[in-house]
Amino acid sequence: MGKTIELTESNFQEVINSDKPVLVDFWAEWCGPCRMIGPVVAELAEEYDGKAVIGKLNVDENPNISAQFGVRSIPTLLVFKGGQVVDKQIGAVPKGVLAQKLEAQMA
């Protein structure tokens, strides 16, 4: 059963360098839209278990990573492949939109 990985400054680089596509949800406790998209991200982690890596990064606890990737509004979801950002979504969107972005990196 897949689950989201809690990302921090100590494991971030290792996780995004996965050989699978990586979706990172930049979020914060106080962010309403982040709470809306949280369950969607969790569902994706289950559905793509073994095919993609799904992580969540709390921007309040990891400000350096947020700054490094220019995250100014949340939720921001970045898709990484080979350690590089290959797609980006700002704001809460339906699950299908995020699934399509992951699928595009698996082809």
N, C-alpha and C. Protein backbone atom coordinates (compact mmCIF):
# COMPACT_ATOMS: atom_id res chain seq x y z
N MET A 1 0.83 -1.19 0.00
CA MET A 1 0.00 0.00 0.00
C MET A 1 0.87 1.25 0.00
N GLY A 2 0.73 2.07 -1.02
CA GLY A 2 1.58 3.25 -1.15
C GLY A 2 1.15 4.35 -0.19
N LYS A 3 2.11 5.11 0.25
CA LYS A 3 1.77 6.27 1.06
C LYS A 3 2.71 7.41 0.71
N THR A 4 2.27 8.62 1.07
CA THR A 4 3.09 9.78 0.78
C THR A 4 4.30 9.78 1.70
N ILE A 5 5.40 10.28 1.18
CA ILE A 5 6.64 10.39 1.94
C ILE A 5 6.72 11.80 2.49
N GLU A 6 6.97 11.93 3.77
CA GLU A 6 7.16 13.24 4.38
C GLU A 6 8.56 13.72 4.02
N LEU A 7 8.64 14.79 3.24
CA LEU A 7 9.93 15.29 2.78
C LEU A 7 10.47 16.37 3.71
N THR A 8 11.79 16.35 3.89
CA THR A 8 12.47 17.36 4.69
C THR A 8 13.77 17.71 3.97
N GLU A 9 14.48 18.66 4.53
CA GLU A 9 15.75 19.04 3.90
C GLU A 9 16.73 17.87 3.88
N SER A 10 16.59 16.93 4.81
CA SER A 10 17.55 15.83 4.88
C SER A 10 17.30 14.74 3.83
N ASN A 11 16.05 14.54 3.41
CA ASN A 11 15.80 13.44 2.44
C ASN A 11 15.34 13.93 1.07
N PHE A 12 15.15 15.23 0.90
CA PHE A 12 14.56 15.76 -0.33
C PHE A 12 15.35 15.37 -1.58
N GLN A 13 16.66 15.63 -1.57
CA GLN A 13 17.50 15.39 -2.75
C GLN A 13 17.46 13.91 -3.14
N GLU A 14 17.55 13.05 -2.15
CA GLU A 14 17.54 11.61 -2.40
C GLU A 14 16.22 11.18 -3.04
N VAL A 15 15.10 11.71 -2.53
CA VAL A 15 13.79 11.31 -3.05
C VAL A 15 13.57 11.80 -4.48
N ILE A 16 13.91 13.07 -4.77
CA ILE A 16 13.65 13.57 -6.12
C ILE A 16 14.57 12.95 -7.16
N ASN A 17 15.66 12.33 -6.72
CA ASN A 17 16.55 11.66 -7.67
C ASN A 17 16.14 10.21 -7.93
N SER A 18 14.92 9.85 -7.56
CA SER A 18 14.40 8.51 -7.80
C SER A 18 14.41 8.21 -9.30
N ASP A 19 14.45 6.93 -9.64
CA ASP A 19 14.38 6.57 -11.06
C ASP A 19 12.93 6.59 -11.55
N LYS A 20 11.98 6.86 -10.65
CA LYS A 20 10.56 6.98 -11.02
C LYS A 20 10.18 8.47 -10.99
N PRO A 21 9.09 8.84 -11.66
CA PRO A 21 8.61 10.22 -11.53
C PRO A 21 8.25 10.51 -10.08
N VAL A 22 8.48 11.74 -9.65
CA VAL A 22 8.21 12.15 -8.27
C VAL A 22 7.27 13.35 -8.26
N LEU A 23 6.16 13.25 -7.53
CA LEU A 23 5.24 14.37 -7.35
C LEU A 23 5.44 14.89 -5.94
N VAL A 24 5.73 16.19 -5.82
CA VAL A 24 5.93 16.79 -4.50
C VAL A 24 4.85 17.84 -4.28
N ASP A 25 4.12 17.67 -3.18
CA ASP A 25 3.08 18.60 -2.77
C ASP A 25 3.69 19.56 -1.74
N PHE A 26 3.86 20.83 -2.13
CA PHE A 26 4.33 21.86 -1.20
C PHE A 26 3.10 22.41 -0.49
N TRP A 27 3.06 22.28 0.84
CA TRP A 27 1.84 22.62 1.58
C TRP A 27 2.19 23.24 2.94
N ALA A 28 1.16 23.68 3.66
CA ALA A 28 1.32 24.17 5.03
C ALA A 28 0.02 23.88 5.79
N GLU A 29 0.15 23.76 7.10
CA GLU A 29 -0.97 23.43 7.99
C GLU A 29 -2.11 24.44 7.86
N TRP A 30 -1.78 25.73 7.72
CA TRP A 30 -2.77 26.81 7.74
C TRP A 30 -3.45 27.05 6.39
N CYS A 31 -3.06 26.30 5.38
CA CYS A 31 -3.53 26.55 4.00
C CYS A 31 -4.78 25.72 3.68
N GLY A 32 -5.91 26.40 3.51
CA GLY A 32 -7.18 25.72 3.22
C GLY A 32 -7.15 24.85 1.97
N PRO A 33 -6.74 25.42 0.82
CA PRO A 33 -6.67 24.60 -0.41
C PRO A 33 -5.72 23.41 -0.27
N CYS A 34 -4.68 23.55 0.56
CA CYS A 34 -3.76 22.43 0.78
C CYS A 34 -4.49 21.27 1.46
N ARG A 35 -5.37 21.61 2.40
CA ARG A 35 -6.13 20.57 3.08
C ARG A 35 -7.12 19.90 2.12
N MET A 36 -7.60 20.67 1.15
CA MET A 36 -8.51 20.10 0.16
C MET A 36 -7.79 19.09 -0.75
N ILE A 37 -6.58 19.42 -1.14
CA ILE A 37 -5.86 18.56 -2.09
C ILE A 37 -5.12 17.41 -1.40
N GLY A 38 -4.93 17.50 -0.08
CA GLY A 38 -4.23 16.46 0.67
C GLY A 38 -4.75 15.05 0.42
N PRO A 39 -6.08 14.82 0.53
CA PRO A 39 -6.61 13.47 0.28
C PRO A 39 -6.38 13.00 -1.16
N VAL A 40 -6.40 13.92 -2.11
CA VAL A 40 -6.16 13.58 -3.52
C VAL A 40 -4.72 13.08 -3.68
N VAL A 41 -3.78 13.77 -3.04
CA VAL A 41 -2.37 13.38 -3.10
C VAL A 41 -2.20 12.00 -2.47
N ALA A 42 -2.90 11.75 -1.36
CA ALA A 42 -2.82 10.45 -0.69
C ALA A 42 -3.36 9.33 -1.60
N GLU A 43 -4.47 9.61 -2.31
CA GLU A 43 -5.03 8.62 -3.25
C GLU A 43 -4.04 8.32 -4.37
N LEU A 44 -3.39 9.34 -4.89
CA LEU A 44 -2.40 9.14 -5.95
C LEU A 44 -1.26 8.26 -5.46
N ALA A 45 -0.86 8.45 -4.20
CA ALA A 45 0.23 7.65 -3.64
C ALA A 45 -0.14 6.17 -3.64
N GLU A 46 -1.41 5.87 -3.36
CA GLU A 46 -1.85 4.48 -3.38
C GLU A 46 -1.94 3.95 -4.81
N GLU A 47 -2.55 4.74 -5.69
CA GLU A 47 -2.77 4.30 -7.07
C GLU A 47 -1.47 4.13 -7.84
N TYR A 48 -0.48 4.94 -7.53
CA TYR A 48 0.79 4.87 -8.28
C TYR A 48 1.90 4.19 -7.48
N ASP A 49 1.53 3.44 -6.46
CA ASP A 49 2.51 2.71 -5.66
C ASP A 49 3.36 1.84 -6.57
N GLY A 50 4.69 2.00 -6.49
CA GLY A 50 5.59 1.20 -7.32
C GLY A 50 5.87 1.82 -8.68
N LYS A 51 5.04 2.82 -9.09
CA LYS A 51 5.24 3.45 -10.40
C LYS A 51 5.72 4.89 -10.29
N ALA A 52 5.42 5.51 -9.16
CA ALA A 52 5.82 6.90 -8.94
C ALA A 52 6.03 7.11 -7.45
N VAL A 53 6.72 8.18 -7.10
CA VAL A 53 6.95 8.53 -5.70
C VAL A 53 6.15 9.79 -5.42
N ILE A 54 5.39 9.77 -4.33
CA ILE A 54 4.56 10.92 -3.98
C ILE A 54 5.03 11.43 -2.62
N GLY A 55 5.40 12.70 -2.56
CA GLY A 55 5.89 13.27 -1.31
C GLY A 55 5.20 14.58 -0.97
N LYS A 56 5.23 14.92 0.32
CA LYS A 56 4.68 16.18 0.80
C LYS A 56 5.78 16.94 1.53
N LEU A 57 5.88 18.24 1.25
CA LEU A 57 6.89 19.06 1.90
C LEU A 57 6.20 20.23 2.58
N ASN A 58 6.35 20.32 3.89
CA ASN A 58 5.78 21.42 4.66
C ASN A 58 6.67 22.66 4.45
N VAL A 59 6.11 23.69 3.83
CA VAL A 59 6.92 24.87 3.47
C VAL A 59 7.35 25.66 4.70
N ASP A 60 6.56 25.60 5.78
CA ASP A 60 6.95 26.33 6.99
C ASP A 60 8.17 25.69 7.65
N GLU A 61 8.27 24.36 7.56
CA GLU A 61 9.37 23.65 8.21
C GLU A 61 10.60 23.54 7.30
N ASN A 62 10.43 23.77 6.00
CA ASN A 62 11.53 23.61 5.03
C ASN A 62 11.60 24.80 4.07
N PRO A 63 11.80 26.00 4.62
CA PRO A 63 11.75 27.20 3.76
C PRO A 63 12.83 27.25 2.69
N ASN A 64 13.99 26.63 2.94
CA ASN A 64 15.07 26.70 1.95
C ASN A 64 14.71 25.97 0.66
N ILE A 65 14.06 24.82 0.79
CA ILE A 65 13.67 24.07 -0.41
C ILE A 65 12.59 24.83 -1.17
N SER A 66 11.63 25.39 -0.45
CA SER A 66 10.58 26.18 -1.10
C SER A 66 11.19 27.33 -1.89
N ALA A 67 12.15 28.01 -1.29
CA ALA A 67 12.82 29.13 -1.96
C ALA A 67 13.62 28.65 -3.17
N GLN A 68 14.28 27.51 -3.02
CA GLN A 68 15.11 26.96 -4.10
C GLN A 68 14.29 26.73 -5.36
N PHE A 69 13.02 26.32 -5.19
CA PHE A 69 12.18 26.02 -6.35
C PHE A 69 11.17 27.14 -6.64
N GLY A 70 11.35 28.30 -6.01
CA GLY A 70 10.52 29.46 -6.30
C GLY A 70 9.05 29.28 -5.92
N VAL A 71 8.79 28.49 -4.89
CA VAL A 71 7.41 28.27 -4.47
C VAL A 71 6.95 29.48 -3.66
N ARG A 72 5.99 30.22 -4.22
CA ARG A 72 5.51 31.43 -3.55
C ARG A 72 4.07 31.30 -3.09
N SER A 73 3.30 30.46 -3.75
CA SER A 73 1.92 30.24 -3.30
C SER A 73 1.70 28.74 -3.19
N ILE A 74 0.85 28.37 -2.26
CA ILE A 74 0.61 26.95 -2.04
C ILE A 74 -0.89 26.67 -2.09
N PRO A 75 -1.31 25.49 -2.44
CA PRO A 75 -0.42 24.38 -2.76
C PRO A 75 0.25 24.55 -4.12
N THR A 76 1.51 24.17 -4.18
CA THR A 76 2.23 24.03 -5.44
C THR A 76 2.65 22.58 -5.53
N LEU A 77 2.40 21.96 -6.67
CA LEU A 77 2.80 20.57 -6.88
C LEU A 77 3.80 20.53 -8.02
N LEU A 78 4.98 20.00 -7.74
CA LEU A 78 6.02 19.89 -8.76
C LEU A 78 6.22 18.42 -9.11
N VAL A 79 6.41 18.16 -10.39
CA VAL A 79 6.74 16.82 -10.84
C VAL A 79 8.21 16.82 -11.23
N PHE A 80 8.96 15.87 -10.66
CA PHE A 80 10.38 15.72 -10.94
C PHE A 80 10.62 14.45 -11.72
N LYS A 81 11.59 14.50 -12.60
CA LYS A 81 12.08 13.28 -13.25
C LYS A 81 13.59 13.42 -13.33
N GLY A 82 14.30 12.42 -12.83
CA GLY A 82 15.76 12.50 -12.83
C GLY A 82 16.29 13.68 -12.05
N GLY A 83 15.57 14.09 -11.00
CA GLY A 83 16.02 15.19 -10.15
C GLY A 83 15.69 16.57 -10.67
N GLN A 84 15.06 16.65 -11.86
CA GLN A 84 14.73 17.95 -12.46
C GLN A 84 13.22 18.18 -12.47
N VAL A 85 12.80 19.44 -12.30
CA VAL A 85 11.38 19.77 -12.39
C VAL A 85 10.96 19.66 -13.85
N VAL A 86 9.94 18.85 -14.12
CA VAL A 86 9.47 18.68 -15.49
C VAL A 86 8.03 19.16 -15.66
N ASP A 87 7.34 19.40 -14.55
CA ASP A 87 5.97 19.91 -14.64
C ASP A 87 5.62 20.58 -13.32
N LYS A 88 4.59 21.45 -13.38
CA LYS A 88 4.25 22.25 -12.21
C LYS A 88 2.76 22.52 -12.21
N GLN A 89 2.16 22.50 -11.03
CA GLN A 89 0.75 22.85 -10.89
C GLN A 89 0.62 23.72 -9.65
N ILE A 90 0.04 24.90 -9.81
CA ILE A 90 -0.18 25.77 -8.66
C ILE A 90 -1.67 25.80 -8.38
N GLY A 91 -2.03 25.56 -7.13
CA GLY A 91 -3.44 25.56 -6.72
C GLY A 91 -4.04 24.17 -6.76
N ALA A 92 -5.18 24.05 -6.07
CA ALA A 92 -5.87 22.76 -5.99
C ALA A 92 -6.54 22.46 -7.34
N VAL A 93 -6.37 21.22 -7.80
CA VAL A 93 -6.96 20.78 -9.07
C VAL A 93 -7.54 19.38 -8.87
N PRO A 94 -8.42 18.94 -9.79
CA PRO A 94 -8.94 17.58 -9.69
C PRO A 94 -7.82 16.54 -9.83
N LYS A 95 -8.05 15.39 -9.25
CA LYS A 95 -7.05 14.31 -9.25
C LYS A 95 -6.60 13.95 -10.66
N GLY A 96 -7.53 13.95 -11.61
CA GLY A 96 -7.20 13.58 -12.99
C GLY A 96 -6.10 14.43 -13.59
N VAL A 97 -6.07 15.70 -13.23
CA VAL A 97 -5.06 16.63 -13.76
C VAL A 97 -3.67 16.19 -13.29
N LEU A 98 -3.57 15.87 -12.01
CA LEU A 98 -2.28 15.45 -11.45
C LEU A 98 -1.88 14.07 -11.99
N ALA A 99 -2.86 13.17 -12.12
CA ALA A 99 -2.58 11.84 -12.65
C ALA A 99 -2.01 11.95 -14.07
N GLN A 100 -2.59 12.85 -14.88
CA GLN A 100 -2.11 13.04 -16.26
C GLN A 100 -0.65 13.51 -16.27
N LYS A 101 -0.32 14.41 -15.35
CA LYS A 101 1.05 14.91 -15.30
C LYS A 101 2.03 13.79 -14.95
N LEU A 102 1.62 12.89 -14.05
CA LEU A 102 2.47 11.74 -13.71
C LEU A 102 2.58 10.78 -14.89
N GLU A 103 1.44 10.49 -15.49
CA GLU A 103 1.40 9.55 -16.63
C GLU A 103 2.33 10.03 -17.75
N ALA A 104 2.34 11.33 -17.99
CA ALA A 104 3.16 11.90 -19.06
C ALA A 104 4.65 11.60 -18.85
N GLN A 105 5.06 11.46 -17.58
CA GLN A 105 6.47 11.19 -17.28
C GLN A 105 6.80 9.70 -17.28
N MET A 106 5.79 8.87 -17.42
CA MET A 106 6.02 7.42 -17.42
C MET A 106 6.16 6.87 -18.82
N ALA A 107 5.79 7.67 -19.80
CA ALA A 107 5.79 7.20 -21.18
C ALA A 107 7.21 6.97 -21.68
